[in-house]
Amino acid sequence: MSKTEKITGPAFLASALINGDTSGLTEEEDVQTLDGFLKYAEGFEVIDVERDENGEAVEPYFSWNCDLYGATFRGGDLVEYIAVRTT
């Protein structure tokens, strides 16, 4: 089994990244953010979000640094994704 790593990214991308469901991405900016995150996380496949000791998804947190993780905006909710290396 591959070792997992945490990768920070915009919280609203969770369904697209984990389930491949992009139906919630409605704005061109959403698609650009997904593309930006995939470039940022190149070489990794997101498999889940970080979970607490009870198996519940850890709540997203606000940051002014979303643009560091591929987003087209600065302020928004981030989450820690669990990913495996693909390359």
PDB file of N, CA and C in Angstrom:
ATOM      1  N   MET A   1       0.838  -1.183   0.000  1.00  0.00           N
ATOM      2  CA  MET A   1       0.000   0.000   0.000  1.00  0.00           C
ATOM      3  C   MET A   1       0.884   1.248   0.000  1.00  0.00           C
ATOM      4  N   SER A   2       0.484   2.222  -0.744  1.00  0.00           N
ATOM      5  CA  SER A   2       1.236   3.466  -0.843  1.00  0.00           C
ATOM      6  C   SER A   2       1.072   4.295   0.423  1.00  0.00           C
ATOM      7  N   LYS A   3       2.137   5.014   0.749  1.00  0.00           N
ATOM      8  CA  LYS A   3       2.086   5.924   1.879  1.00  0.00           C
ATOM      9  C   LYS A   3       1.213   7.123   1.505  1.00  0.00           C
ATOM     10  N   THR A   4       0.365   7.539   2.429  1.00  0.00           N
ATOM     11  CA  THR A   4      -0.492   8.693   2.165  1.00  0.00           C
ATOM     12  C   THR A   4       0.184   9.955   2.662  1.00  0.00           C
ATOM     13  N   GLU A   5      -0.187  11.062   2.038  1.00  0.00           N
ATOM     14  CA  GLU A   5       0.313  12.372   2.416  1.00  0.00           C
ATOM     15  C   GLU A   5      -0.862  13.332   2.468  1.00  0.00           C
ATOM     16  N   LYS A   6      -0.712  14.414   3.220  1.00  0.00           N
ATOM     17  CA  LYS A   6      -1.731  15.458   3.273  1.00  0.00           C
ATOM     18  C   LYS A   6      -1.371  16.546   2.277  1.00  0.00           C
ATOM     19  N   ILE A   7      -2.378  16.995   1.548  1.00  0.00           N
ATOM     20  CA  ILE A   7      -2.212  18.091   0.607  1.00  0.00           C
ATOM     21  C   ILE A   7      -3.342  19.082   0.870  1.00  0.00           C
ATOM     22  N   THR A   8      -2.997  20.321   1.128  1.00  0.00           N
ATOM     23  CA  THR A   8      -3.982  21.359   1.375  1.00  0.00           C
ATOM     24  C   THR A   8      -4.599  21.813   0.067  1.00  0.00           C
ATOM     25  N   GLY A   9      -5.917  22.057   0.080  1.00  0.00           N
ATOM     26  CA  GLY A   9      -6.572  22.558  -1.110  1.00  0.00           C
ATOM     27  C   GLY A   9      -7.936  23.142  -0.807  1.00  0.00           C
ATOM     28  N   PRO A  10      -8.533  23.827  -1.791  1.00  0.00           N
ATOM     29  CA  PRO A  10      -9.853  24.423  -1.618  1.00  0.00           C
ATOM     30  C   PRO A  10     -10.903  23.352  -1.269  1.00  0.00           C
ATOM     31  N   ALA A  11     -11.683  23.619  -0.235  1.00  0.00           N
ATOM     32  CA  ALA A  11     -12.648  22.645   0.265  1.00  0.00           C
ATOM     33  C   ALA A  11     -13.734  22.310  -0.753  1.00  0.00           C
ATOM     34  N   PHE A  12     -14.148  23.283  -1.570  1.00  0.00           N
ATOM     35  CA  PHE A  12     -15.273  23.030  -2.469  1.00  0.00           C
ATOM     36  C   PHE A  12     -14.925  22.058  -3.599  1.00  0.00           C
ATOM     37  N   LEU A  13     -13.664  21.700  -3.726  1.00  0.00           N
ATOM     38  CA  LEU A  13     -13.258  20.746  -4.763  1.00  0.00           C
ATOM     39  C   LEU A  13     -13.375  19.288  -4.323  1.00  0.00           C
ATOM     40  N   ALA A  14     -13.764  19.043  -3.090  1.00  0.00           N
ATOM     41  CA  ALA A  14     -13.746  17.684  -2.538  1.00  0.00           C
ATOM     42  C   ALA A  14     -14.513  16.677  -3.392  1.00  0.00           C
ATOM     43  N   SER A  15     -15.716  16.983  -3.782  1.00  0.00           N
ATOM     44  CA  SER A  15     -16.503  16.029  -4.564  1.00  0.00           C
ATOM     45  C   SER A  15     -15.853  15.745  -5.917  1.00  0.00           C
ATOM     46  N   ALA A  16     -15.327  16.768  -6.548  1.00  0.00           N
ATOM     47  CA  ALA A  16     -14.667  16.580  -7.840  1.00  0.00           C
ATOM     48  C   ALA A  16     -13.405  15.737  -7.691  1.00  0.00           C
ATOM     49  N   LEU A  17     -12.627  15.998  -6.648  1.00  0.00           N
ATOM     50  CA  LEU A  17     -11.360  15.300  -6.462  1.00  0.00           C
ATOM     51  C   LEU A  17     -11.534  13.867  -5.984  1.00  0.00           C
ATOM     52  N   ILE A  18     -12.468  13.637  -5.086  1.00  0.00           N
ATOM     53  CA  ILE A  18     -12.617  12.317  -4.478  1.00  0.00           C
ATOM     54  C   ILE A  18     -13.559  11.427  -5.292  1.00  0.00           C
ATOM     55  N   ASN A  19     -14.671  11.991  -5.749  1.00  0.00           N
ATOM     56  CA  ASN A  19     -15.694  11.196  -6.441  1.00  0.00           C
ATOM     57  C   ASN A  19     -15.708  11.389  -7.945  1.00  0.00           C
ATOM     58  N   GLY A  20     -14.920  12.326  -8.451  1.00  0.00           N
ATOM     59  CA  GLY A  20     -14.941  12.615  -9.888  1.00  0.00           C
ATOM     60  C   GLY A  20     -16.210  13.318 -10.328  1.00  0.00           C
ATOM     61  N   ASP A  21     -16.946  13.902  -9.377  1.00  0.00           N
ATOM     62  CA  ASP A  21     -18.212  14.576  -9.663  1.00  0.00           C
ATOM     63  C   ASP A  21     -17.987  16.075  -9.796  1.00  0.00           C
ATOM     64  N   THR A  22     -17.942  16.545 -11.030  1.00  0.00           N
ATOM     65  CA  THR A  22     -17.706  17.968 -11.280  1.00  0.00           C
ATOM     66  C   THR A  22     -19.001  18.745 -11.482  1.00  0.00           C
ATOM     67  N   SER A  23     -20.155  18.117 -11.235  1.00  0.00           N
ATOM     68  CA  SER A  23     -21.432  18.795 -11.467  1.00  0.00           C
ATOM     69  C   SER A  23     -21.618  20.017 -10.567  1.00  0.00           C
ATOM     70  N   GLY A  24     -20.930  20.079  -9.444  1.00  0.00           N
ATOM     71  CA  GLY A  24     -21.041  21.223  -8.548  1.00  0.00           C
ATOM     72  C   GLY A  24     -20.163  22.401  -8.959  1.00  0.00           C
ATOM     73  N   LEU A  25     -19.316  22.214  -9.959  1.00  0.00           N
ATOM     74  CA  LEU A  25     -18.455  23.291 -10.437  1.00  0.00           C
ATOM     75  C   LEU A  25     -19.213  24.044 -11.513  1.00  0.00           C
ATOM     76  N   THR A  26     -19.729  25.212 -11.154  1.00  0.00           N
ATOM     77  CA  THR A  26     -20.632  25.918 -12.053  1.00  0.00           C
ATOM     78  C   THR A  26     -20.006  27.108 -12.752  1.00  0.00           C
ATOM     79  N   GLU A  27     -19.045  27.722 -12.152  1.00  0.00           N
ATOM     80  CA  GLU A  27     -18.429  28.917 -12.715  1.00  0.00           C
ATOM     81  C   GLU A  27     -17.136  28.537 -13.434  1.00  0.00           C
ATOM     82  N   GLU A  28     -16.767  29.315 -14.424  1.00  0.00           N
ATOM     83  CA  GLU A  28     -15.483  29.109 -15.092  1.00  0.00           C
ATOM     84  C   GLU A  28     -14.343  29.184 -14.072  1.00  0.00           C
ATOM     85  N   GLU A  29     -14.502  30.068 -13.080  1.00  0.00           N
ATOM     86  CA  GLU A  29     -13.492  30.195 -12.031  1.00  0.00           C
ATOM     87  C   GLU A  29     -13.345  28.886 -11.252  1.00  0.00           C
ATOM     88  N   ASP A  30     -14.449  28.156 -11.026  1.00  0.00           N
ATOM     89  CA  ASP A  30     -14.382  26.864 -10.339  1.00  0.00           C
ATOM     90  C   ASP A  30     -13.520  25.886 -11.126  1.00  0.00           C
ATOM     91  N   VAL A  31     -13.733  25.826 -12.426  1.00  0.00           N
ATOM     92  CA  VAL A  31     -12.982  24.913 -13.289  1.00  0.00           C
ATOM     93  C   VAL A  31     -11.507  25.315 -13.317  1.00  0.00           C
ATOM     94  N   GLN A  32     -11.241  26.615 -13.376  1.00  0.00           N
ATOM     95  CA  GLN A  32      -9.855  27.092 -13.351  1.00  0.00           C
ATOM     96  C   GLN A  32      -9.170  26.743 -12.033  1.00  0.00           C
ATOM     97  N   THR A  33      -9.929  26.817 -10.935  1.00  0.00           N
ATOM     98  CA  THR A  33      -9.373  26.448  -9.632  1.00  0.00           C
ATOM     99  C   THR A  33      -9.074  24.957  -9.588  1.00  0.00           C
ATOM    100  N   LEU A  34      -9.967  24.127 -10.122  1.00  0.00           N
ATOM    101  CA  LEU A  34      -9.702  22.685 -10.179  1.00  0.00           C
ATOM    102  C   LEU A  34      -8.440  22.422 -10.988  1.00  0.00           C
ATOM    103  N   ASP A  35      -8.322  23.037 -12.144  1.00  0.00           N
ATOM    104  CA  ASP A  35      -7.129  22.868 -12.977  1.00  0.00           C
ATOM    105  C   ASP A  35      -5.874  23.331 -12.243  1.00  0.00           C
ATOM    106  N   GLY A  36      -5.972  24.467 -11.543  1.00  0.00           N
ATOM    107  CA  GLY A  36      -4.842  24.985 -10.786  1.00  0.00           C
ATOM    108  C   GLY A  36      -4.432  24.057  -9.662  1.00  0.00           C
ATOM    109  N   PHE A  37      -5.419  23.488  -8.957  1.00  0.00           N
ATOM    110  CA  PHE A  37      -5.091  22.562  -7.873  1.00  0.00           C
ATOM    111  C   PHE A  37      -4.437  21.300  -8.428  1.00  0.00           C
ATOM    112  N   LEU A  38      -4.967  20.780  -9.534  1.00  0.00           N
ATOM    113  CA  LEU A  38      -4.390  19.572 -10.122  1.00  0.00           C
ATOM    114  C   LEU A  38      -2.942  19.809 -10.548  1.00  0.00           C
ATOM    115  N   LYS A  39      -2.650  21.009 -11.015  1.00  0.00           N
ATOM    116  CA  LYS A  39      -1.266  21.346 -11.371  1.00  0.00           C
ATOM    117  C   LYS A  39      -0.414  21.421 -10.103  1.00  0.00           C
ATOM    118  N   TYR A  40      -0.955  22.061  -9.057  1.00  0.00           N
ATOM    119  CA  TYR A  40      -0.258  22.176  -7.769  1.00  0.00           C
ATOM    120  C   TYR A  40       0.029  20.788  -7.186  1.00  0.00           C
ATOM    121  N   ALA A  41      -0.928  19.881  -7.281  1.00  0.00           N
ATOM    122  CA  ALA A  41      -0.821  18.548  -6.676  1.00  0.00           C
ATOM    123  C   ALA A  41      -0.401  17.492  -7.695  1.00  0.00           C
ATOM    124  N   GLU A  42       0.264  17.918  -8.744  1.00  0.00           N
ATOM    125  CA  GLU A  42       0.688  16.988  -9.789  1.00  0.00           C
ATOM    126  C   GLU A  42       1.505  15.852  -9.184  1.00  0.00           C
ATOM    127  N   GLY A  43       1.208  14.640  -9.625  1.00  0.00           N
ATOM    128  CA  GLY A  43       1.900  13.473  -9.107  1.00  0.00           C
ATOM    129  C   GLY A  43       1.205  12.820  -7.934  1.00  0.00           C
ATOM    130  N   PHE A  44       0.041  13.373  -7.536  1.00  0.00           N
ATOM    131  CA  PHE A  44      -0.732  12.808  -6.434  1.00  0.00           C
ATOM    132  C   PHE A  44      -2.169  12.546  -6.869  1.00  0.00           C
ATOM    133  N   GLU A  45      -2.784  11.559  -6.246  1.00  0.00           N
ATOM    134  CA  GLU A  45      -4.209  11.305  -6.432  1.00  0.00           C
ATOM    135  C   GLU A  45      -4.893  11.475  -5.082  1.00  0.00           C
ATOM    136  N   VAL A  46      -5.867  12.373  -5.030  1.00  0.00           N
ATOM    137  CA  VAL A  46      -6.623  12.599  -3.801  1.00  0.00           C
ATOM    138  C   VAL A  46      -7.577  11.434  -3.595  1.00  0.00           C
ATOM    139  N   ILE A  47      -7.571  10.862  -2.386  1.00  0.00           N
ATOM    140  CA  ILE A  47      -8.437   9.722  -2.099  1.00  0.00           C
ATOM    141  C   ILE A  47      -9.465  10.006  -1.008  1.00  0.00           C
ATOM    142  N   ASP A  48      -9.254  11.051  -0.229  1.00  0.00           N
ATOM    143  CA  ASP A  48     -10.194  11.367   0.855  1.00  0.00           C
ATOM    144  C   ASP A  48      -9.835  12.730   1.432  1.00  0.00           C
ATOM    145  N   VAL A  49     -10.643  13.162   2.382  1.00  0.00           N
ATOM    146  CA  VAL A  49     -10.319  14.339   3.185  1.00  0.00           C
ATOM    147  C   VAL A  49      -9.796  13.838   4.529  1.00  0.00           C
ATOM    148  N   GLU A  50      -9.110  14.696   5.231  1.00  0.00           N
ATOM    149  CA  GLU A  50      -8.621  14.339   6.564  1.00  0.00           C
ATOM    150  C   GLU A  50      -9.813  14.037   7.470  1.00  0.00           C
ATOM    151  N   ARG A  51      -9.672  13.035   8.301  1.00  0.00           N
ATOM    152  CA  ARG A  51     -10.751  12.628   9.208  1.00  0.00           C
ATOM    153  C   ARG A  51     -10.259  12.630  10.650  1.00  0.00           C
ATOM    154  N   ASP A  52     -11.212  12.869  11.579  1.00  0.00           N
ATOM    155  CA  ASP A  52     -10.863  12.869  13.001  1.00  0.00           C
ATOM    156  C   ASP A  52     -10.868  11.446  13.542  1.00  0.00           C
ATOM    157  N   GLU A  53     -10.656  11.306  14.835  1.00  0.00           N
ATOM    158  CA  GLU A  53     -10.572   9.986  15.468  1.00  0.00           C
ATOM    159  C   GLU A  53     -11.881   9.193  15.388  1.00  0.00           C
ATOM    160  N   ASN A  54     -13.006   9.870  15.108  1.00  0.00           N
ATOM    161  CA  ASN A  54     -14.302   9.196  14.963  1.00  0.00           C
ATOM    162  C   ASN A  54     -14.638   8.893  13.507  1.00  0.00           C
ATOM    163  N   GLY A  55     -13.728   9.217  12.607  1.00  0.00           N
ATOM    164  CA  GLY A  55     -13.972   8.963  11.191  1.00  0.00           C
ATOM    165  C   GLY A  55     -14.767  10.054  10.495  1.00  0.00           C
ATOM    166  N   GLU A  56     -15.009  11.159  11.194  1.00  0.00           N
ATOM    167  CA  GLU A  56     -15.749  12.277  10.605  1.00  0.00           C
ATOM    168  C   GLU A  56     -14.781  13.209   9.882  1.00  0.00           C
ATOM    169  N   ALA A  57     -15.228  13.772   8.771  1.00  0.00           N
ATOM    170  CA  ALA A  57     -14.398  14.717   8.029  1.00  0.00           C
ATOM    171  C   ALA A  57     -14.063  15.915   8.912  1.00  0.00           C
ATOM    172  N   VAL A  58     -12.807  16.310   8.900  1.00  0.00           N
ATOM    173  CA  VAL A  58     -12.370  17.487   9.645  1.00  0.00           C
ATOM    174  C   VAL A  58     -12.941  18.722   8.959  1.00  0.00           C
ATOM    175  N   GLU A  59     -13.427  19.655   9.746  1.00  0.00           N
ATOM    176  CA  GLU A  59     -14.054  20.863   9.208  1.00  0.00           C
ATOM    177  C   GLU A  59     -13.050  21.708   8.432  1.00  0.00           C
ATOM    178  N   PRO A  60     -13.483  22.275   7.308  1.00  0.00           N
ATOM    179  CA  PRO A  60     -12.619  23.214   6.580  1.00  0.00           C
ATOM    180  C   PRO A  60     -12.315  24.436   7.441  1.00  0.00           C
ATOM    181  N   TYR A  61     -11.278  25.153   7.095  1.00  0.00           N
ATOM    182  CA  TYR A  61     -10.906  26.362   7.810  1.00  0.00           C
ATOM    183  C   TYR A  61     -10.654  27.485   6.805  1.00  0.00           C
ATOM    184  N   PHE A  62     -10.910  28.703   7.229  1.00  0.00           N
ATOM    185  CA  PHE A  62     -10.746  29.857   6.351  1.00  0.00           C
ATOM    186  C   PHE A  62      -9.278  30.277   6.281  1.00  0.00           C
ATOM    187  N   SER A  63      -8.866  30.687   5.093  1.00  0.00           N
ATOM    188  CA  SER A  63      -7.508  31.189   4.895  1.00  0.00           C
ATOM    189  C   SER A  63      -7.511  32.257   3.808  1.00  0.00           C
ATOM    190  N   TRP A  64      -6.603  33.189   3.913  1.00  0.00           N
ATOM    191  CA  TRP A  64      -6.387  34.183   2.869  1.00  0.00           C
ATOM    192  C   TRP A  64      -5.342  33.693   1.871  1.00  0.00           C
ATOM    193  N   ASN A  65      -4.947  32.441   1.946  1.00  0.00           N
ATOM    194  CA  ASN A  65      -3.881  31.911   1.098  1.00  0.00           C
ATOM    195  C   ASN A  65      -4.351  30.845   0.108  1.00  0.00           C
ATOM    196  N   CYS A  66      -5.596  30.861  -0.284  1.00  0.00           N
ATOM    197  CA  CYS A  66      -6.104  29.839  -1.210  1.00  0.00           C
ATOM    198  C   CYS A  66      -5.345  29.833  -2.532  1.00  0.00           C
ATOM    199  N   ASP A  67      -4.863  30.991  -2.946  1.00  0.00           N
ATOM    200  CA  ASP A  67      -4.146  31.076  -4.215  1.00  0.00           C
ATOM    201  C   ASP A  67      -2.838  30.274  -4.199  1.00  0.00           C
ATOM    202  N   LEU A  68      -2.324  29.957  -3.039  1.00  0.00           N
ATOM    203  CA  LEU A  68      -1.119  29.142  -2.952  1.00  0.00           C
ATOM    204  C   LEU A  68      -1.384  27.687  -3.330  1.00  0.00           C
ATOM    205  N   TYR A  69      -2.652  27.297  -3.361  1.00  0.00           N
ATOM    206  CA  TYR A  69      -3.026  25.911  -3.621  1.00  0.00           C
ATOM    207  C   TYR A  69      -3.804  25.756  -4.929  1.00  0.00           C
ATOM    208  N   GLY A  70      -3.555  26.659  -5.857  1.00  0.00           N
ATOM    209  CA  GLY A  70      -4.156  26.554  -7.180  1.00  0.00           C
ATOM    210  C   GLY A  70      -5.424  27.346  -7.394  1.00  0.00           C
ATOM    211  N   ALA A  71      -5.957  27.979  -6.361  1.00  0.00           N
ATOM    212  CA  ALA A  71      -7.203  28.728  -6.493  1.00  0.00           C
ATOM    213  C   ALA A  71      -6.972  30.031  -7.257  1.00  0.00           C
ATOM    214  N   THR A  72      -8.026  30.533  -7.856  1.00  0.00           N
ATOM    215  CA  THR A  72      -7.985  31.806  -8.568  1.00  0.00           C
ATOM    216  C   THR A  72      -8.368  32.958  -7.650  1.00  0.00           C
ATOM    217  N   PHE A  73      -8.520  32.688  -6.365  1.00  0.00           N
ATOM    218  CA  PHE A  73      -8.927  33.688  -5.378  1.00  0.00           C
ATOM    219  C   PHE A  73      -8.050  33.541  -4.147  1.00  0.00           C
ATOM    220  N   ARG A  74      -8.050  34.553  -3.298  1.00  0.00           N
ATOM    221  CA  ARG A  74      -7.214  34.522  -2.095  1.00  0.00           C
ATOM    222  C   ARG A  74      -7.940  33.952  -0.891  1.00  0.00           C
ATOM    223  N   GLY A  75      -9.125  34.471  -0.566  1.00  0.00           N
ATOM    224  CA  GLY A  75      -9.810  34.069   0.658  1.00  0.00           C
ATOM    225  C   GLY A  75     -10.852  32.996   0.422  1.00  0.00           C
ATOM    226  N   GLY A  76     -10.823  31.953   1.240  1.00  0.00           N
ATOM    227  CA  GLY A  76     -11.815  30.887   1.136  1.00  0.00           C
ATOM    228  C   GLY A  76     -11.491  29.750   2.085  1.00  0.00           C
ATOM    229  N   ASP A  77     -12.331  28.731   2.048  1.00  0.00           N
ATOM    230  CA  ASP A  77     -12.158  27.574   2.923  1.00  0.00           C
ATOM    231  C   ASP A  77     -11.204  26.562   2.316  1.00  0.00           C
ATOM    232  N   LEU A  78     -10.294  26.076   3.163  1.00  0.00           N
ATOM    233  CA  LEU A  78      -9.353  25.040   2.785  1.00  0.00           C
ATOM    234  C   LEU A  78      -9.599  23.795   3.616  1.00  0.00           C
ATOM    235  N   VAL A  79      -9.124  22.676   3.110  1.00  0.00           N
ATOM    236  CA  VAL A  79      -9.224  21.405   3.812  1.00  0.00           C
ATOM    237  C   VAL A  79      -7.944  20.628   3.525  1.00  0.00           C
ATOM    238  N   GLU A  80      -7.627  19.700   4.402  1.00  0.00           N
ATOM    239  CA  GLU A  80      -6.489  18.813   4.166  1.00  0.00           C
ATOM    240  C   GLU A  80      -7.019  17.572   3.435  1.00  0.00           C
ATOM    241  N   TYR A  81      -6.469  17.323   2.261  1.00  0.00           N
ATOM    242  CA  TYR A  81      -6.813  16.120   1.501  1.00  0.00           C
ATOM    243  C   TYR A  81      -5.787  15.035   1.776  1.00  0.00           C
ATOM    244  N   ILE A  82      -6.238  13.798   1.740  1.00  0.00           N
ATOM    245  CA  ILE A  82      -5.351  12.649   1.852  1.00  0.00           C
ATOM    246  C   ILE A  82      -5.097  12.167   0.429  1.00  0.00           C
ATOM    247  N   ALA A  83      -3.829  12.016   0.080  1.00  0.00           N
ATOM    248  CA  ALA A  83      -3.472  11.660  -1.279  1.00  0.00           C
ATOM    249  C   ALA A  83      -2.363  10.613  -1.297  1.00  0.00           C
ATOM    250  N   VAL A  84      -2.274   9.912  -2.425  1.00  0.00           N
ATOM    251  CA  VAL A  84      -1.185   8.974  -2.649  1.00  0.00           C
ATOM    252  C   VAL A  84      -0.404   9.425  -3.876  1.00  0.00           C
ATOM    253  N   ARG A  85       0.878   9.152  -3.852  1.00  0.00           N
ATOM    254  CA  ARG A  85       1.733   9.525  -4.981  1.00  0.00           C
ATOM    255  C   ARG A  85       1.449   8.592  -6.162  1.00  0.00           C
ATOM    256  N   THR A  86       1.332   9.187  -7.338  1.00  0.00           N
ATOM    257  CA  THR A  86       1.074   8.399  -8.549  1.00  0.00           C
ATOM    258  C   THR A  86       2.301   8.329  -9.442  1.00  0.00           C
ATOM    259  N   THR A  87       3.301   9.138  -9.170  1.00  0.00           N
ATOM    260  CA  THR A  87       4.527   9.105  -9.975  1.00  0.00           C
ATOM    261  C   THR A  87       5.734   8.879  -9.114  1.00  0.00           C
TER     262      THR A  87
END
